[in-house]
């Protein structure tokens, strides 16, 4: 996995955080992560926001 990207898909986020994919979407629902819709079928997450969640 390339770690120098600015945006990550939900599956990549779950891998980076060591959580399940459903937990990523639970974080979105609870407001802990903000998704960025690129198209009707593509959602990404900003790596800076993911880093803040971990720290």
Protein backbone atom coordinates (compact mmCIF):
# COMPACT_ATOMS: atom_id res chain seq x y z
CA UNK A 1 0.00 0.00 0.00
CA UNK A 2 1.27 3.46 -0.90
CA UNK A 3 1.42 5.70 2.17
CA UNK A 4 2.11 9.02 0.46
CA UNK A 5 -1.37 9.58 -0.98
CA UNK A 6 -3.55 12.49 0.16
CA UNK A 7 -6.87 10.60 0.03
CA UNK A 8 -7.73 7.02 0.92
CA UNK A 9 -10.73 4.81 0.21
CA UNK A 10 -12.68 3.32 3.13
CA UNK A 11 -11.04 -0.09 2.79
CA UNK A 12 -7.58 1.50 2.94
CA UNK A 13 -8.59 3.53 6.01
CA UNK A 14 -9.75 0.38 7.77
CA UNK A 15 -6.39 -1.25 7.01
CA UNK A 16 -4.38 1.78 8.19
CA UNK A 17 -6.34 2.08 11.45
CA UNK A 18 -6.57 -1.66 12.07
CA UNK A 19 -10.37 -1.57 12.27
CA UNK A 20 -13.17 -3.17 10.32
CA UNK A 21 -14.77 -1.56 7.30
CA UNK A 22 -18.09 -1.25 9.14
CA UNK A 23 -16.28 0.66 11.91
CA UNK A 24 -15.05 3.21 9.35
CA UNK A 25 -18.66 3.88 8.36
CA UNK A 26 -19.67 4.00 12.04
CA UNK A 27 -17.03 6.71 12.54
CA UNK A 28 -18.61 8.61 9.64
CA UNK A 29 -22.07 8.25 11.17
CA UNK A 30 -20.78 9.45 14.56
CA UNK A 31 -18.93 12.40 13.01
CA UNK A 32 -15.41 11.19 13.82
CA UNK A 33 -14.52 11.04 10.09
CA UNK A 34 -15.77 13.26 7.28
CA UNK A 35 -16.12 11.57 3.90
CA UNK A 36 -15.42 13.34 0.62
CA UNK A 37 -17.71 12.27 -2.21
CA UNK A 38 -15.84 12.21 -5.51
CA UNK A 39 -18.73 10.68 -7.44
CA UNK A 40 -21.94 8.83 -6.66
CA UNK A 41 -19.99 5.61 -6.05
CA UNK A 42 -16.60 6.86 -4.81
CA UNK A 43 -15.95 8.19 -1.31
CA UNK A 44 -12.51 9.06 0.05
CA UNK A 45 -11.04 10.29 3.31
CA UNK A 46 -8.30 12.88 3.89
CA UNK A 47 -5.10 11.42 5.38
CA UNK A 48 -4.64 14.49 7.63
CA UNK A 49 -8.00 13.82 9.27
CA UNK A 50 -7.12 10.15 9.70
CA UNK A 51 -3.85 11.13 11.38
CA UNK A 52 -5.71 13.45 13.79
CA UNK A 53 -8.07 10.61 14.68
CA UNK A 54 -5.12 8.38 15.60
CA UNK A 55 -3.29 11.04 17.62
